[in-house]
Amino acid sequence: MKPQQELKKSVENQLKRIKKAEHDRPNLLSQTTYIGTLGLVMVLPIVAGVYLGHWLDSLMTGYSTRWTLSLLMTGVVIGFFNVYFLINNK
C-alpha cells in the first residue's frame, strides 16, 4: 500500500507543477507590455535630457549645443541602466 501512496503523491505533485507552469507562462500580451516598458524606460530619459538641454541652451546667448549634447549622453546612460535593472529584477 505504501508504494501506491508514494506514487499517488508524486503524480499529484507533478500535476501541480504542470498547472503552475501553465499559469505562469507568459502570453503575447504580457511579453508585448514588457517590451514596451523596456522601450519607455530607455527613451524617456533621453527625450527628457534633450528637452532640458535644449531649454538650458536657449537661455544662453548665441548658438550653443553644449547642454543638449551632454544631457543627451546622460539620458542614454541612464536609459541603459534603467533597462539593465529592469531586466535583472524580472
N, C-alpha and C. Protein backbone atom coordinates (compact mmCIF):
# COMPACT_ATOMS: atom_id res chain seq x y z
N MET A 1 0.82 -1.19 0.00
CA MET A 1 0.00 0.00 0.00
C MET A 1 0.87 1.26 0.00
N LYS A 2 1.99 1.24 0.64
CA LYS A 2 2.85 2.41 0.74
C LYS A 2 3.40 2.85 -0.62
N PRO A 3 3.87 1.96 -1.49
CA PRO A 3 4.34 2.42 -2.81
C PRO A 3 3.24 3.09 -3.62
N GLN A 4 2.02 2.65 -3.47
CA GLN A 4 0.91 3.26 -4.20
C GLN A 4 0.67 4.69 -3.71
N GLN A 5 0.78 4.92 -2.42
CA GLN A 5 0.59 6.26 -1.86
C GLN A 5 1.71 7.19 -2.31
N GLU A 6 2.93 6.67 -2.35
CA GLU A 6 4.06 7.48 -2.81
C GLU A 6 3.89 7.84 -4.28
N LEU A 7 3.45 6.89 -5.09
CA LEU A 7 3.22 7.15 -6.50
C LEU A 7 2.11 8.18 -6.68
N LYS A 8 1.05 8.04 -5.92
CA LYS A 8 -0.06 8.99 -6.00
C LYS A 8 0.40 10.39 -5.61
N LYS A 9 1.18 10.49 -4.55
CA LYS A 9 1.68 11.78 -4.11
C LYS A 9 2.62 12.40 -5.14
N SER A 10 3.46 11.57 -5.74
CA SER A 10 4.38 12.05 -6.77
C SER A 10 3.62 12.56 -7.99
N VAL A 11 2.61 11.84 -8.42
CA VAL A 11 1.81 12.26 -9.57
C VAL A 11 1.06 13.55 -9.26
N GLU A 12 0.52 13.68 -8.05
CA GLU A 12 -0.18 14.91 -7.66
C GLU A 12 0.78 16.10 -7.66
N ASN A 13 1.99 15.90 -7.16
CA ASN A 13 2.98 16.99 -7.15
C ASN A 13 3.36 17.41 -8.57
N GLN A 14 3.54 16.43 -9.45
CA GLN A 14 3.87 16.75 -10.83
C GLN A 14 2.71 17.48 -11.51
N LEU A 15 1.50 17.07 -11.23
CA LEU A 15 0.33 17.74 -11.80
C LEU A 15 0.23 19.19 -11.31
N LYS A 16 0.52 19.42 -10.04
CA LYS A 16 0.52 20.79 -9.51
C LYS A 16 1.59 21.63 -10.20
N ARG A 17 2.78 21.05 -10.41
CA ARG A 17 3.85 21.77 -11.07
C ARG A 17 3.49 22.11 -12.51
N ILE A 18 2.84 21.19 -13.21
CA ILE A 18 2.43 21.43 -14.59
C ILE A 18 1.40 22.55 -14.65
N LYS A 19 0.42 22.51 -13.75
CA LYS A 19 -0.61 23.56 -13.73
C LYS A 19 0.00 24.92 -13.39
N LYS A 20 0.93 24.94 -12.45
CA LYS A 20 1.59 26.20 -12.09
C LYS A 20 2.40 26.73 -13.27
N ALA A 21 3.10 25.85 -13.99
CA ALA A 21 3.89 26.29 -15.14
C ALA A 21 2.99 26.83 -16.24
N GLU A 22 1.84 26.21 -16.47
CA GLU A 22 0.91 26.71 -17.47
C GLU A 22 0.33 28.07 -17.07
N HIS A 23 0.09 28.23 -15.80
CA HIS A 23 -0.47 29.51 -15.31
C HIS A 23 0.56 30.62 -15.39
N ASP A 24 1.82 30.32 -15.08
CA ASP A 24 2.87 31.34 -15.04
C ASP A 24 3.50 31.62 -16.40
N ARG A 25 3.15 30.85 -17.43
CA ARG A 25 3.74 31.03 -18.75
C ARG A 25 3.32 32.39 -19.31
N PRO A 26 4.31 33.17 -19.77
CA PRO A 26 3.96 34.49 -20.31
C PRO A 26 3.22 34.36 -21.64
N ASN A 27 2.21 35.19 -21.82
CA ASN A 27 1.47 35.19 -23.07
C ASN A 27 1.93 36.38 -23.93
N LEU A 28 1.35 36.49 -25.10
CA LEU A 28 1.77 37.52 -26.04
C LEU A 28 1.54 38.93 -25.49
N LEU A 29 0.43 39.14 -24.83
CA LEU A 29 0.14 40.47 -24.29
C LEU A 29 1.14 40.88 -23.20
N SER A 30 1.47 39.96 -22.32
CA SER A 30 2.41 40.31 -21.25
C SER A 30 3.82 40.54 -21.81
N GLN A 31 4.20 39.76 -22.83
CA GLN A 31 5.51 39.98 -23.44
C GLN A 31 5.57 41.31 -24.18
N THR A 32 4.48 41.66 -24.87
CA THR A 32 4.42 42.94 -25.58
C THR A 32 4.48 44.10 -24.59
N THR A 33 3.78 43.97 -23.50
CA THR A 33 3.80 45.01 -22.47
C THR A 33 5.20 45.17 -21.89
N TYR A 34 5.87 44.05 -21.66
CA TYR A 34 7.23 44.08 -21.09
C TYR A 34 8.20 44.77 -22.05
N ILE A 35 8.11 44.45 -23.34
CA ILE A 35 9.00 45.07 -24.32
C ILE A 35 8.68 46.56 -24.45
N GLY A 36 7.39 46.92 -24.40
CA GLY A 36 7.02 48.32 -24.44
C GLY A 36 7.55 49.09 -23.24
N THR A 37 7.51 48.45 -22.09
CA THR A 37 8.05 49.08 -20.88
C THR A 37 9.55 49.28 -21.00
N LEU A 38 10.23 48.29 -21.56
CA LEU A 38 11.68 48.44 -21.77
C LEU A 38 11.97 49.62 -22.69
N GLY A 39 11.16 49.77 -23.74
CA GLY A 39 11.35 50.89 -24.65
C GLY A 39 11.13 52.23 -23.96
N LEU A 40 10.10 52.30 -23.14
CA LEU A 40 9.81 53.56 -22.45
C LEU A 40 10.90 53.94 -21.46
N VAL A 41 11.38 52.97 -20.69
CA VAL A 41 12.40 53.32 -19.69
C VAL A 41 13.73 53.65 -20.36
N MET A 42 13.88 53.27 -21.63
CA MET A 42 15.08 53.66 -22.38
C MET A 42 14.92 55.04 -23.01
N VAL A 43 13.76 55.30 -23.60
CA VAL A 43 13.56 56.51 -24.39
C VAL A 43 13.25 57.74 -23.53
N LEU A 44 12.49 57.58 -22.47
CA LEU A 44 12.07 58.75 -21.69
C LEU A 44 13.24 59.56 -21.10
N PRO A 45 14.27 58.93 -20.52
CA PRO A 45 15.40 59.76 -20.04
C PRO A 45 16.13 60.48 -21.17
N ILE A 46 16.18 59.87 -22.35
CA ILE A 46 16.85 60.52 -23.47
C ILE A 46 16.07 61.75 -23.91
N VAL A 47 14.76 61.58 -24.08
CA VAL A 47 13.93 62.71 -24.51
C VAL A 47 13.93 63.81 -23.45
N ALA A 48 13.84 63.44 -22.20
CA ALA A 48 13.87 64.44 -21.12
C ALA A 48 15.20 65.18 -21.10
N GLY A 49 16.30 64.46 -21.30
CA GLY A 49 17.61 65.10 -21.33
C GLY A 49 17.76 66.07 -22.48
N VAL A 50 17.29 65.66 -23.68
CA VAL A 50 17.38 66.56 -24.84
C VAL A 50 16.50 67.78 -24.63
N TYR A 51 15.31 67.59 -24.13
CA TYR A 51 14.41 68.72 -23.90
C TYR A 51 15.00 69.69 -22.88
N LEU A 52 15.47 69.16 -21.76
CA LEU A 52 16.06 70.03 -20.73
C LEU A 52 17.31 70.71 -21.26
N GLY A 53 18.15 69.99 -21.99
CA GLY A 53 19.36 70.59 -22.55
C GLY A 53 19.05 71.68 -23.56
N HIS A 54 18.06 71.47 -24.40
CA HIS A 54 17.67 72.48 -25.37
C HIS A 54 17.14 73.73 -24.66
N TRP A 55 16.37 73.53 -23.61
CA TRP A 55 15.86 74.66 -22.85
C TRP A 55 17.01 75.44 -22.20
N LEU A 56 17.98 74.73 -21.62
CA LEU A 56 19.12 75.41 -21.00
C LEU A 56 19.96 76.13 -22.05
N ASP A 57 20.12 75.53 -23.23
CA ASP A 57 20.88 76.19 -24.29
C ASP A 57 20.17 77.43 -24.80
N SER A 58 18.84 77.41 -24.78
CA SER A 58 18.11 78.59 -25.25
C SER A 58 18.26 79.77 -24.30
N LEU A 59 18.61 79.52 -23.05
CA LEU A 59 18.82 80.60 -22.09
C LEU A 59 20.16 81.29 -22.30
N MET A 60 21.10 80.64 -22.99
CA MET A 60 22.41 81.21 -23.23
C MET A 60 22.38 82.10 -24.47
N THR A 61 23.28 83.05 -24.51
CA THR A 61 23.37 83.91 -25.69
C THR A 61 24.17 83.19 -26.76
N GLY A 62 23.79 83.39 -28.01
CA GLY A 62 24.49 82.76 -29.12
C GLY A 62 24.00 81.34 -29.35
N TYR A 63 24.69 80.67 -30.25
CA TYR A 63 24.32 79.29 -30.60
C TYR A 63 25.14 78.32 -29.78
N SER A 64 24.49 77.50 -29.01
CA SER A 64 25.19 76.54 -28.17
C SER A 64 24.42 75.24 -28.13
N THR A 65 25.14 74.13 -28.17
CA THR A 65 24.52 72.82 -28.01
C THR A 65 25.19 72.03 -26.89
N ARG A 66 25.91 72.75 -26.07
CA ARG A 66 26.66 72.09 -25.01
C ARG A 66 25.75 71.31 -24.06
N TRP A 67 24.71 71.95 -23.55
CA TRP A 67 23.82 71.28 -22.61
C TRP A 67 23.01 70.18 -23.29
N THR A 68 22.58 70.44 -24.52
CA THR A 68 21.78 69.43 -25.23
C THR A 68 22.57 68.15 -25.42
N LEU A 69 23.80 68.26 -25.89
CA LEU A 69 24.61 67.06 -26.14
C LEU A 69 25.00 66.35 -24.84
N SER A 70 25.35 67.13 -23.84
CA SER A 70 25.77 66.48 -22.59
C SER A 70 24.59 65.80 -21.89
N LEU A 71 23.42 66.42 -21.92
CA LEU A 71 22.26 65.79 -21.29
C LEU A 71 21.70 64.66 -22.16
N LEU A 72 21.93 64.70 -23.47
CA LEU A 72 21.58 63.57 -24.33
C LEU A 72 22.39 62.35 -23.95
N MET A 73 23.69 62.52 -23.78
CA MET A 73 24.54 61.39 -23.40
C MET A 73 24.19 60.89 -21.99
N THR A 74 23.88 61.81 -21.11
CA THR A 74 23.45 61.41 -19.76
C THR A 74 22.15 60.62 -19.82
N GLY A 75 21.22 61.04 -20.66
CA GLY A 75 19.97 60.31 -20.83
C GLY A 75 20.18 58.92 -21.39
N VAL A 76 21.12 58.77 -22.32
CA VAL A 76 21.43 57.44 -22.88
C VAL A 76 21.98 56.53 -21.78
N VAL A 77 22.89 57.04 -20.98
CA VAL A 77 23.47 56.23 -19.91
C VAL A 77 22.40 55.84 -18.89
N ILE A 78 21.57 56.78 -18.50
CA ILE A 78 20.51 56.49 -17.55
C ILE A 78 19.52 55.49 -18.14
N GLY A 79 19.20 55.64 -19.42
CA GLY A 79 18.29 54.71 -20.08
C GLY A 79 18.83 53.29 -20.09
N PHE A 80 20.13 53.14 -20.39
CA PHE A 80 20.72 51.80 -20.37
C PHE A 80 20.71 51.20 -18.97
N PHE A 81 20.99 52.01 -17.97
CA PHE A 81 20.93 51.50 -16.60
C PHE A 81 19.51 51.10 -16.22
N ASN A 82 18.53 51.88 -16.64
CA ASN A 82 17.13 51.53 -16.37
C ASN A 82 16.77 50.19 -16.97
N VAL A 83 17.14 49.98 -18.23
CA VAL A 83 16.84 48.71 -18.90
C VAL A 83 17.57 47.56 -18.21
N TYR A 84 18.83 47.78 -17.86
CA TYR A 84 19.61 46.74 -17.19
C TYR A 84 18.96 46.34 -15.87
N PHE A 85 18.58 47.31 -15.06
CA PHE A 85 17.98 47.00 -13.77
C PHE A 85 16.59 46.38 -13.92
N LEU A 86 15.84 46.81 -14.92
CA LEU A 86 14.51 46.23 -15.14
C LEU A 86 14.62 44.77 -15.57
N ILE A 87 15.59 44.45 -16.43
CA ILE A 87 15.77 43.07 -16.87
C ILE A 87 16.26 42.20 -15.72
N ASN A 88 17.17 42.70 -14.91
CA ASN A 88 17.69 41.91 -13.79
C ASN A 88 16.69 41.70 -12.68
N ASN A 89 15.71 42.57 -12.53
CA ASN A 89 14.72 42.43 -11.47
C ASN A 89 13.54 41.57 -11.87
N LYS A 90 13.50 41.13 -13.10
CA LYS A 90 12.37 40.30 -13.53
C LYS A 90 12.46 38.92 -12.98
